[in-house]
Amino acid sequence: MLKKHPKGIPPLGDLLADLGNPKPAEIAKSLGVSERTVRGWKRTGQAPRPVMLALFWVTSWGQQWAEAEAFNRAQIEYQSAAALRRHVKELEQIISRLMTIADFGCANDPSTSHHGPAANPAARMSHARTSLSCLTPVVRPGHLATVTR
């Protein structure tokens, strides 16, 4: 965020002109400084950078800069959301394709469309054997070997 400040700020006289040439008392009150300080800035045509930045943000230039930044940010977020929507659709298609390959009926099946086995006991037993088959552990060689120190 610190790198997102205006690089070129118009001269103090231009900033004040854009603000309608407010009186030193108005400027002093809004910035929390004395009128004498403001008169000194106007006389030299220069003010400290924090003062210039504060004045810049209330001018039409600062408002346009902020509006452009907000618009660009909104465009980025919109495109990001669109990309995420496309990714969700792709994932839904993959899930759909995987669901059509086989329905093993595992206990941890994330599908909400699975309605379980049929009502008759023979179908339930067949379903139970299929469900248990998905729980068979896969053991790689050396997987269960003990480590000696």
Protein backbone atom coordinates (compact mmCIF):
# COMPACT_ATOMS: atom_id res chain seq x y z
CA MET A 1 0.00 0.00 0.00
CA LEU A 2 2.89 2.37 0.66
CA LYS A 3 3.90 2.13 -2.98
CA LYS A 4 0.45 3.26 -4.12
CA HIS A 5 0.81 6.98 -3.69
CA PRO A 6 0.97 9.60 -6.43
CA LYS A 7 4.45 10.06 -7.84
CA GLY A 8 3.91 13.55 -9.20
CA ILE A 9 1.94 16.01 -7.13
CA PRO A 10 0.97 19.35 -8.68
CA PRO A 11 2.51 22.51 -7.18
CA LEU A 12 0.94 23.96 -4.03
CA GLY A 13 -0.62 26.86 -5.94
CA ASP A 14 -2.36 24.47 -8.35
CA LEU A 15 -3.66 22.31 -5.51
CA LEU A 16 -5.09 25.34 -3.73
CA ALA A 17 -6.59 26.68 -6.98
CA ASP A 18 -8.31 23.32 -7.55
CA LEU A 19 -9.76 23.61 -4.05
CA GLY A 20 -11.13 27.08 -4.83
CA ASN A 21 -8.29 29.03 -3.17
CA PRO A 22 -9.42 28.54 0.42
CA LYS A 23 -8.40 31.10 3.05
CA PRO A 24 -5.33 30.32 5.15
CA ALA A 25 -7.58 29.98 8.21
CA GLU A 26 -9.56 27.16 6.52
CA ILE A 27 -6.42 25.34 5.46
CA ALA A 28 -4.84 25.77 8.89
CA LYS A 29 -7.92 24.41 10.64
CA SER A 30 -8.23 21.37 8.37
CA LEU A 31 -4.51 20.51 8.65
CA GLY A 32 -4.11 21.34 12.34
CA VAL A 33 -1.44 24.02 11.85
CA SER A 34 -1.28 27.76 12.41
CA GLU A 35 -2.37 30.36 9.87
CA ARG A 36 1.17 31.75 9.94
CA THR A 37 2.51 28.37 8.79
CA VAL A 38 0.01 28.27 5.91
CA ARG A 39 0.92 31.81 4.85
CA GLY A 40 4.60 30.77 4.80
CA TRP A 41 3.79 27.82 2.54
CA LYS A 42 1.80 30.01 0.19
CA ARG A 43 4.56 32.64 0.10
CA THR A 44 7.24 30.08 -0.86
CA GLY A 45 4.92 27.95 -2.96
CA GLN A 46 6.13 24.85 -1.11
CA ALA A 47 4.83 22.74 1.76
CA PRO A 48 6.03 19.54 3.42
CA ARG A 49 5.22 16.38 1.46
CA PRO A 50 2.63 15.13 4.00
CA VAL A 51 0.75 18.43 3.59
CA MET A 52 0.96 18.17 -0.21
CA LEU A 53 -0.38 14.61 -0.07
CA ALA A 54 -3.22 15.63 2.27
CA LEU A 55 -4.22 18.45 -0.06
CA PHE A 56 -3.81 16.26 -3.15
CA TRP A 57 -6.36 13.69 -1.95
CA VAL A 58 -9.11 16.29 -1.59
CA THR A 59 -8.53 17.84 -5.03
CA SER A 60 -10.19 16.62 -8.21
CA TRP A 61 -6.88 14.95 -9.17
CA GLY A 62 -6.79 12.94 -5.96
CA GLN A 63 -10.45 11.98 -6.29
CA GLN A 64 -9.90 10.82 -9.88
CA TRP A 65 -6.84 8.84 -8.82
CA ALA A 66 -8.80 7.11 -6.04
CA GLU A 67 -11.76 6.40 -8.34
CA ALA A 68 -9.48 4.90 -11.01
CA GLU A 69 -7.79 2.73 -8.38
CA ALA A 70 -11.17 1.53 -7.08
CA PHE A 71 -12.37 0.76 -10.62
CA ASN A 72 -9.20 -1.19 -11.45
CA ARG A 73 -9.45 -3.11 -8.19
CA ALA A 74 -13.09 -3.97 -8.91
CA GLN A 75 -12.13 -5.26 -12.36
CA ILE A 76 -9.43 -7.48 -10.86
CA GLU A 77 -11.84 -8.89 -8.27
CA TYR A 78 -14.54 -9.46 -10.92
CA GLN A 79 -12.12 -11.37 -13.14
CA SER A 80 -10.86 -13.36 -10.16
CA ALA A 81 -14.43 -14.34 -9.23
CA ALA A 82 -15.14 -15.34 -12.84
CA ALA A 83 -12.01 -17.52 -12.89
CA LEU A 84 -13.09 -19.18 -9.65
CA ARG A 85 -16.57 -19.84 -11.07
CA ARG A 86 -14.98 -21.48 -14.14
CA HIS A 87 -12.78 -23.59 -11.87
CA VAL A 88 -15.78 -24.72 -9.82
CA LYS A 89 -17.57 -25.78 -13.02
CA GLU A 90 -14.50 -27.75 -14.12
CA LEU A 91 -14.33 -29.47 -10.75
CA GLU A 92 -18.05 -30.26 -10.86
CA GLN A 93 -17.55 -31.85 -14.29
CA ILE A 94 -14.67 -33.94 -12.96
CA ILE A 95 -16.77 -35.07 -9.99
CA SER A 96 -19.66 -35.92 -12.31
CA ARG A 97 -17.35 -37.93 -14.55
CA LEU A 98 -15.88 -39.78 -11.56
CA MET A 99 -19.34 -40.52 -10.20
CA THR A 100 -20.33 -42.17 -13.50
CA ILE A 101 -17.23 -44.39 -13.53
CA ALA A 102 -18.25 -46.30 -10.40
CA ASP A 103 -20.30 -45.84 -7.29
CA PHE A 104 -18.72 -47.97 -4.60
CA GLY A 105 -20.84 -46.59 -1.80
CA CYS A 106 -18.01 -45.90 0.62
CA ALA A 107 -19.01 -44.62 4.05
CA ASN A 108 -17.15 -41.38 3.43
CA ASP A 109 -18.72 -40.83 0.02
CA PRO A 110 -19.08 -37.05 -0.37
CA SER A 111 -21.95 -37.38 -2.78
CA THR A 112 -25.32 -36.17 -1.60
CA SER A 113 -27.06 -37.86 -4.50
CA HIS A 114 -26.35 -41.41 -3.23
CA HIS A 115 -29.50 -42.82 -1.69
CA GLY A 116 -28.07 -46.03 -0.27
CA PRO A 117 -28.96 -49.66 -0.97
CA ALA A 118 -32.35 -50.93 -1.94
CA ALA A 119 -34.85 -51.88 0.76
CA ASN A 120 -34.46 -55.69 0.48
CA PRO A 121 -31.87 -57.44 2.74
CA ALA A 122 -30.02 -59.18 -0.14
CA ALA A 123 -29.33 -55.84 -1.78
CA ARG A 124 -28.18 -54.41 1.56
CA MET A 125 -25.69 -57.28 2.02
CA SER A 126 -24.37 -56.85 -1.50
CA HIS A 127 -24.00 -53.13 -0.83
CA ALA A 128 -22.21 -53.82 2.48
CA ARG A 129 -19.63 -56.06 0.78
CA THR A 130 -19.01 -53.40 -1.87
CA SER A 131 -18.76 -50.70 0.82
CA LEU A 132 -16.28 -52.73 2.82
CA SER A 133 -14.16 -53.43 -0.24
CA CYS A 134 -13.32 -49.75 -0.47
CA LEU A 135 -11.86 -49.92 3.04
CA THR A 136 -9.24 -52.51 2.13
CA PRO A 137 -5.88 -50.96 2.99
CA VAL A 138 -3.24 -50.59 0.36
CA VAL A 139 0.13 -51.65 1.78
CA ARG A 140 3.32 -50.74 0.00
CA PRO A 141 6.48 -52.84 0.46
CA GLY A 142 8.25 -51.70 3.62
CA HIS A 143 5.27 -49.55 4.65
CA LEU A 144 4.79 -51.34 7.95
CA ALA A 145 8.47 -52.02 8.59
CA THR A 146 9.81 -50.92 11.97
CA VAL A 147 12.66 -48.49 12.18
CA THR A 148 15.61 -49.52 14.37
CA ARG A 149 18.03 -47.01 15.74
